[in-house]
Amino acid sequence: MTVGRNGVFVKWALGFLALVLIGLGGWAGKTLVDHGERISSAESQSAGLKEWLGRVEDKLDKVLNRP
């Protein structure tokens, strides 16, 4: 009889562990996707600012070089 109880406990524990791992995997996947979107957004904003600052620098160079 002890083997039967132990077997039921093992099945229940493995089911619970599988459920926890699936939930953790889903959460981690969503977190990675969300962070990936934020990172790509920040990179595109950085590239836009870099381009804008380059144009401002070119205009300042033109203004300062005028007599």
PDB file of N, CA and C in Angstrom:
ATOM      1  N   MET A   1       0.795  -1.189   0.000  1.00  0.00           N
ATOM      2  CA  MET A   1       0.000   0.000   0.000  1.00  0.00           C
ATOM      3  C   MET A   1       0.847   1.267   0.000  1.00  0.00           C
ATOM      4  N   THR A   2       1.993   1.250   0.583  1.00  0.00           N
ATOM      5  CA  THR A   2       2.857   2.422   0.621  1.00  0.00           C
ATOM      6  C   THR A   2       3.310   2.804  -0.785  1.00  0.00           C
ATOM      7  N   VAL A   3       3.557   1.795  -1.613  1.00  0.00           N
ATOM      8  CA  VAL A   3       3.984   2.067  -2.983  1.00  0.00           C
ATOM      9  C   VAL A   3       2.896   2.807  -3.745  1.00  0.00           C
ATOM     10  N   GLY A   4       1.643   2.446  -3.528  1.00  0.00           N
ATOM     11  CA  GLY A   4       0.528   3.110  -4.197  1.00  0.00           C
ATOM     12  C   GLY A   4       0.424   4.572  -3.804  1.00  0.00           C
ATOM     13  N   ARG A   5       0.532   4.865  -2.537  1.00  0.00           N
ATOM     14  CA  ARG A   5       0.475   6.257  -2.082  1.00  0.00           C
ATOM     15  C   ARG A   5       1.652   7.053  -2.640  1.00  0.00           C
ATOM     16  N   ASN A   6       2.806   6.440  -2.614  1.00  0.00           N
ATOM     17  CA  ASN A   6       3.995   7.106  -3.119  1.00  0.00           C
ATOM     18  C   ASN A   6       3.859   7.385  -4.618  1.00  0.00           C
ATOM     19  N   GLY A   7       3.297   6.440  -5.363  1.00  0.00           N
ATOM     20  CA  GLY A   7       3.103   6.616  -6.800  1.00  0.00           C
ATOM     21  C   GLY A   7       2.143   7.745  -7.106  1.00  0.00           C
ATOM     22  N   VAL A   8       1.077   7.865  -6.325  1.00  0.00           N
ATOM     23  CA  VAL A   8       0.104   8.941  -6.513  1.00  0.00           C
ATOM     24  C   VAL A   8       0.759  10.283  -6.208  1.00  0.00           C
ATOM     25  N   PHE A   9       1.537  10.317  -5.145  1.00  0.00           N
ATOM     26  CA  PHE A   9       2.222  11.559  -4.792  1.00  0.00           C
ATOM     27  C   PHE A   9       3.199  11.972  -5.890  1.00  0.00           C
ATOM     28  N   VAL A  10       3.928  11.004  -6.437  1.00  0.00           N
ATOM     29  CA  VAL A  10       4.900  11.318  -7.495  1.00  0.00           C
ATOM     30  C   VAL A  10       4.182  11.849  -8.721  1.00  0.00           C
ATOM     31  N   LYS A  11       3.062  11.224  -9.096  1.00  0.00           N
ATOM     32  CA  LYS A  11       2.303  11.708 -10.259  1.00  0.00           C
ATOM     33  C   LYS A  11       1.787  13.124 -10.017  1.00  0.00           C
ATOM     34  N   TRP A  12       1.271  13.364  -8.810  1.00  0.00           N
ATOM     35  CA  TRP A  12       0.765  14.693  -8.486  1.00  0.00           C
ATOM     36  C   TRP A  12       1.891  15.712  -8.487  1.00  0.00           C
ATOM     37  N   ALA A  13       3.042  15.353  -7.898  1.00  0.00           N
ATOM     38  CA  ALA A  13       4.180  16.265  -7.829  1.00  0.00           C
ATOM     39  C   ALA A  13       4.715  16.567  -9.221  1.00  0.00           C
ATOM     40  N   LEU A  14       4.816  15.553 -10.081  1.00  0.00           N
ATOM     41  CA  LEU A  14       5.303  15.787 -11.448  1.00  0.00           C
ATOM     42  C   LEU A  14       4.329  16.657 -12.240  1.00  0.00           C
ATOM     43  N   GLY A  15       3.037  16.437 -12.051  1.00  0.00           N
ATOM     44  CA  GLY A  15       2.043  17.280 -12.720  1.00  0.00           C
ATOM     45  C   GLY A  15       2.145  18.724 -12.277  1.00  0.00           C
ATOM     46  N   PHE A  16       2.280  18.922 -10.978  1.00  0.00           N
ATOM     47  CA  PHE A  16       2.416  20.271 -10.437  1.00  0.00           C
ATOM     48  C   PHE A  16       3.702  20.927 -10.931  1.00  0.00           C
ATOM     49  N   LEU A  17       4.794  20.178 -10.932  1.00  0.00           N
ATOM     50  CA  LEU A  17       6.078  20.704 -11.408  1.00  0.00           C
ATOM     51  C   LEU A  17       6.002  21.072 -12.887  1.00  0.00           C
ATOM     52  N   ALA A  18       5.343  20.237 -13.677  1.00  0.00           N
ATOM     53  CA  ALA A  18       5.174  20.536 -15.099  1.00  0.00           C
ATOM     54  C   ALA A  18       4.358  21.810 -15.288  1.00  0.00           C
ATOM     55  N   LEU A  19       3.306  21.966 -14.505  1.00  0.00           N
ATOM     56  CA  LEU A  19       2.472  23.162 -14.578  1.00  0.00           C
ATOM     57  C   LEU A  19       3.276  24.412 -14.233  1.00  0.00           C
ATOM     58  N   VAL A  20       4.070  24.328 -13.186  1.00  0.00           N
ATOM     59  CA  VAL A  20       4.903  25.464 -12.776  1.00  0.00           C
ATOM     60  C   VAL A  20       5.922  25.798 -13.862  1.00  0.00           C
ATOM     61  N   LEU A  21       6.557  24.784 -14.430  1.00  0.00           N
ATOM     62  CA  LEU A  21       7.562  25.033 -15.475  1.00  0.00           C
ATOM     63  C   LEU A  21       6.943  25.636 -16.732  1.00  0.00           C
ATOM     64  N   ILE A  22       5.757  25.179 -17.104  1.00  0.00           N
ATOM     65  CA  ILE A  22       5.079  25.752 -18.274  1.00  0.00           C
ATOM     66  C   ILE A  22       4.711  27.214 -18.008  1.00  0.00           C
ATOM     67  N   GLY A  23       4.206  27.482 -16.825  1.00  0.00           N
ATOM     68  CA  GLY A  23       3.878  28.872 -16.465  1.00  0.00           C
ATOM     69  C   GLY A  23       5.100  29.761 -16.446  1.00  0.00           C
ATOM     70  N   LEU A  24       6.175  29.256 -15.875  1.00  0.00           N
ATOM     71  CA  LEU A  24       7.421  30.021 -15.829  1.00  0.00           C
ATOM     72  C   LEU A  24       7.975  30.263 -17.221  1.00  0.00           C
ATOM     73  N   GLY A  25       7.880  29.253 -18.071  1.00  0.00           N
ATOM     74  CA  GLY A  25       8.345  29.413 -19.452  1.00  0.00           C
ATOM     75  C   GLY A  25       7.535  30.448 -20.204  1.00  0.00           C
ATOM     76  N   GLY A  26       6.224  30.441 -20.022  1.00  0.00           N
ATOM     77  CA  GLY A  26       5.369  31.437 -20.677  1.00  0.00           C
ATOM     78  C   GLY A  26       5.677  32.838 -20.198  1.00  0.00           C
ATOM     79  N   TRP A  27       5.861  32.981 -18.892  1.00  0.00           N
ATOM     80  CA  TRP A  27       6.186  34.299 -18.338  1.00  0.00           C
ATOM     81  C   TRP A  27       7.530  34.787 -18.864  1.00  0.00           C
ATOM     82  N   ALA A  28       8.532  33.905 -18.884  1.00  0.00           N
ATOM     83  CA  ALA A  28       9.859  34.294 -19.358  1.00  0.00           C
ATOM     84  C   ALA A  28       9.817  34.668 -20.837  1.00  0.00           C
ATOM     85  N   GLY A  29       9.071  33.914 -21.625  1.00  0.00           N
ATOM     86  CA  GLY A  29       8.951  34.232 -23.049  1.00  0.00           C
ATOM     87  C   GLY A  29       8.305  35.583 -23.272  1.00  0.00           C
ATOM     88  N   LYS A  30       7.238  35.863 -22.547  1.00  0.00           N
ATOM     89  CA  LYS A  30       6.559  37.158 -22.697  1.00  0.00           C
ATOM     90  C   LYS A  30       7.476  38.291 -22.254  1.00  0.00           C
ATOM     91  N   THR A  31       8.210  38.066 -21.177  1.00  0.00           N
ATOM     92  CA  THR A  31       9.127  39.092 -20.687  1.00  0.00           C
ATOM     93  C   THR A  31      10.203  39.385 -21.724  1.00  0.00           C
ATOM     94  N   LEU A  32      10.753  38.346 -22.333  1.00  0.00           N
ATOM     95  CA  LEU A  32      11.790  38.553 -23.347  1.00  0.00           C
ATOM     96  C   LEU A  32      11.246  39.309 -24.549  1.00  0.00           C
ATOM     97  N   VAL A  33      10.036  38.986 -24.969  1.00  0.00           N
ATOM     98  CA  VAL A  33       9.433  39.684 -26.109  1.00  0.00           C
ATOM     99  C   VAL A  33       9.196  41.149 -25.756  1.00  0.00           C
ATOM    100  N   ASP A  34       8.663  41.410 -24.560  1.00  0.00           N
ATOM    101  CA  ASP A  34       8.406  42.792 -24.146  1.00  0.00           C
ATOM    102  C   ASP A  34       9.693  43.598 -24.072  1.00  0.00           C
ATOM    103  N   HIS A  35      10.732  43.015 -23.498  1.00  0.00           N
ATOM    104  CA  HIS A  35      12.008  43.724 -23.411  1.00  0.00           C
ATOM    105  C   HIS A  35      12.613  43.916 -24.795  1.00  0.00           C
ATOM    106  N   GLY A  36      12.450  42.942 -25.667  1.00  0.00           N
ATOM    107  CA  GLY A  36      12.950  43.076 -27.036  1.00  0.00           C
ATOM    108  C   GLY A  36      12.290  44.236 -27.758  1.00  0.00           C
ATOM    109  N   GLU A  37      10.985  44.398 -27.548  1.00  0.00           N
ATOM    110  CA  GLU A  37      10.277  45.515 -28.173  1.00  0.00           C
ATOM    111  C   GLU A  37      10.773  46.848 -27.621  1.00  0.00           C
ATOM    112  N   ARG A  38      10.986  46.909 -26.319  1.00  0.00           N
ATOM    113  CA  ARG A  38      11.492  48.157 -25.722  1.00  0.00           C
ATOM    114  C   ARG A  38      12.886  48.476 -26.217  1.00  0.00           C
ATOM    115  N   ILE A  39      13.730  47.475 -26.317  1.00  0.00           N
ATOM    116  CA  ILE A  39      15.106  47.689 -26.765  1.00  0.00           C
ATOM    117  C   ILE A  39      15.118  48.159 -28.215  1.00  0.00           C
ATOM    118  N   SER A  40      14.327  47.520 -29.073  1.00  0.00           N
ATOM    119  CA  SER A  40      14.311  47.945 -30.473  1.00  0.00           C
ATOM    120  C   SER A  40      13.750  49.349 -30.608  1.00  0.00           C
ATOM    121  N   SER A  41      12.768  49.703 -29.778  1.00  0.00           N
ATOM    122  CA  SER A  41      12.219  51.058 -29.803  1.00  0.00           C
ATOM    123  C   SER A  41      13.276  52.070 -29.368  1.00  0.00           C
ATOM    124  N   ALA A  42      14.006  51.755 -28.309  1.00  0.00           N
ATOM    125  CA  ALA A  42      15.059  52.659 -27.833  1.00  0.00           C
ATOM    126  C   ALA A  42      16.175  52.796 -28.870  1.00  0.00           C
ATOM    127  N   GLU A  43      16.510  51.705 -29.537  1.00  0.00           N
ATOM    128  CA  GLU A  43      17.550  51.773 -30.565  1.00  0.00           C
ATOM    129  C   GLU A  43      17.115  52.635 -31.738  1.00  0.00           C
ATOM    130  N   SER A  44      15.862  52.512 -32.153  1.00  0.00           N
ATOM    131  CA  SER A  44      15.396  53.332 -33.273  1.00  0.00           C
ATOM    132  C   SER A  44      15.340  54.804 -32.879  1.00  0.00           C
ATOM    133  N   GLN A  45      14.939  55.098 -31.650  1.00  0.00           N
ATOM    134  CA  GLN A  45      14.936  56.488 -31.191  1.00  0.00           C
ATOM    135  C   GLN A  45      16.359  57.030 -31.128  1.00  0.00           C
ATOM    136  N   SER A  46      17.292  56.206 -30.686  1.00  0.00           N
ATOM    137  CA  SER A  46      18.688  56.620 -30.607  1.00  0.00           C
ATOM    138  C   SER A  46      19.243  56.913 -32.000  1.00  0.00           C
ATOM    139  N   ALA A  47      18.909  56.058 -32.956  1.00  0.00           N
ATOM    140  CA  ALA A  47      19.375  56.279 -34.328  1.00  0.00           C
ATOM    141  C   ALA A  47      18.787  57.568 -34.894  1.00  0.00           C
ATOM    142  N   GLY A  48      17.505  57.819 -34.609  1.00  0.00           N
ATOM    143  CA  GLY A  48      16.867  59.056 -35.075  1.00  0.00           C
ATOM    144  C   GLY A  48      17.513  60.283 -34.462  1.00  0.00           C
ATOM    145  N   LEU A  49      17.790  60.231 -33.165  1.00  0.00           N
ATOM    146  CA  LEU A  49      18.447  61.364 -32.497  1.00  0.00           C
ATOM    147  C   LEU A  49      19.855  61.580 -33.039  1.00  0.00           C
ATOM    148  N   LYS A  50      20.557  60.500 -33.305  1.00  0.00           N
ATOM    149  CA  LYS A  50      21.923  60.612 -33.832  1.00  0.00           C
ATOM    150  C   LYS A  50      21.912  61.293 -35.203  1.00  0.00           C
ATOM    151  N   GLU A  51      20.947  60.905 -36.031  1.00  0.00           N
ATOM    152  CA  GLU A  51      20.818  61.520 -37.359  1.00  0.00           C
ATOM    153  C   GLU A  51      20.457  62.999 -37.225  1.00  0.00           C
ATOM    154  N   TRP A  52      19.526  63.327 -36.341  1.00  0.00           N
ATOM    155  CA  TRP A  52      19.106  64.705 -36.130  1.00  0.00           C
ATOM    156  C   TRP A  52      20.269  65.552 -35.612  1.00  0.00           C
ATOM    157  N   LEU A  53      21.031  65.009 -34.645  1.00  0.00           N
ATOM    158  CA  LEU A  53      22.181  65.752 -34.120  1.00  0.00           C
ATOM    159  C   LEU A  53      23.247  65.963 -35.192  1.00  0.00           C
ATOM    160  N   GLY A  54      23.393  65.012 -36.091  1.00  0.00           N
ATOM    161  CA  GLY A  54      24.332  65.174 -37.200  1.00  0.00           C
ATOM    162  C   GLY A  54      23.928  66.334 -38.102  1.00  0.00           C
ATOM    163  N   ARG A  55      22.630  66.439 -38.383  1.00  0.00           N
ATOM    164  CA  ARG A  55      22.157  67.558 -39.219  1.00  0.00           C
ATOM    165  C   ARG A  55      22.342  68.891 -38.500  1.00  0.00           C
ATOM    166  N   VAL A  56      22.071  68.923 -37.194  1.00  0.00           N
ATOM    167  CA  VAL A  56      22.260  70.150 -36.414  1.00  0.00           C
ATOM    168  C   VAL A  56      23.739  70.543 -36.428  1.00  0.00           C
ATOM    169  N   GLU A  57      24.608  69.578 -36.269  1.00  0.00           N
ATOM    170  CA  GLU A  57      26.049  69.851 -36.278  1.00  0.00           C
ATOM    171  C   GLU A  57      26.483  70.406 -37.637  1.00  0.00           C
ATOM    172  N   ASP A  58      25.977  69.834 -38.720  1.00  0.00           N
ATOM    173  CA  ASP A  58      26.309  70.344 -40.056  1.00  0.00           C
ATOM    174  C   ASP A  58      25.836  71.784 -40.226  1.00  0.00           C
ATOM    175  N   LYS A  59      24.638  72.097 -39.744  1.00  0.00           N
ATOM    176  CA  LYS A  59      24.120  73.462 -39.852  1.00  0.00           C
ATOM    177  C   LYS A  59      24.954  74.430 -39.022  1.00  0.00           C
ATOM    178  N   LEU A  60      25.350  74.006 -37.820  1.00  0.00           N
ATOM    179  CA  LEU A  60      26.196  74.861 -36.990  1.00  0.00           C
ATOM    180  C   LEU A  60      27.550  75.109 -37.647  1.00  0.00           C
ATOM    181  N   ASP A  61      28.103  74.075 -38.261  1.00  0.00           N
ATOM    182  CA  ASP A  61      29.359  74.247 -38.968  1.00  0.00           C
ATOM    183  C   ASP A  61      29.230  75.261 -40.102  1.00  0.00           C
ATOM    184  N   LYS A  62      28.126  75.203 -40.828  1.00  0.00           N
ATOM    185  CA  LYS A  62      27.896  76.162 -41.924  1.00  0.00           C
ATOM    186  C   LYS A  62      27.781  77.585 -41.377  1.00  0.00           C
ATOM    187  N   VAL A  63      27.024  77.734 -40.262  1.00  0.00           N
ATOM    188  CA  VAL A  63      26.829  79.071 -39.682  1.00  0.00           C
ATOM    189  C   VAL A  63      28.135  79.624 -39.150  1.00  0.00           C
ATOM    190  N   LEU A  64      28.917  78.823 -38.487  1.00  0.00           N
ATOM    191  CA  LEU A  64      30.180  79.292 -37.901  1.00  0.00           C
ATOM    192  C   LEU A  64      31.241  79.580 -38.933  1.00  0.00           C
ATOM    193  N   ASN A  65      31.185  78.944 -40.081  1.00  0.00           N
ATOM    194  CA  ASN A  65      32.173  79.162 -41.133  1.00  0.00           C
ATOM    195  C   ASN A  65      31.857  80.373 -42.003  1.00  0.00           C
ATOM    196  N   ARG A  66      30.656  80.933 -41.858  1.00  0.00           N
ATOM    197  CA  ARG A  66      30.309  82.113 -42.654  1.00  0.00           C
ATOM    198  C   ARG A  66      31.015  83.341 -42.116  1.00  0.00           C
ATOM    199  N   PRO A  67      31.487  84.205 -43.010  1.00  0.00           N
ATOM    200  CA  PRO A  67      32.139  85.449 -42.544  1.00  0.00           C
ATOM    201  C   PRO A  67      31.153  86.512 -42.137  1.00  0.00           C
TER     202      PRO A  67
END
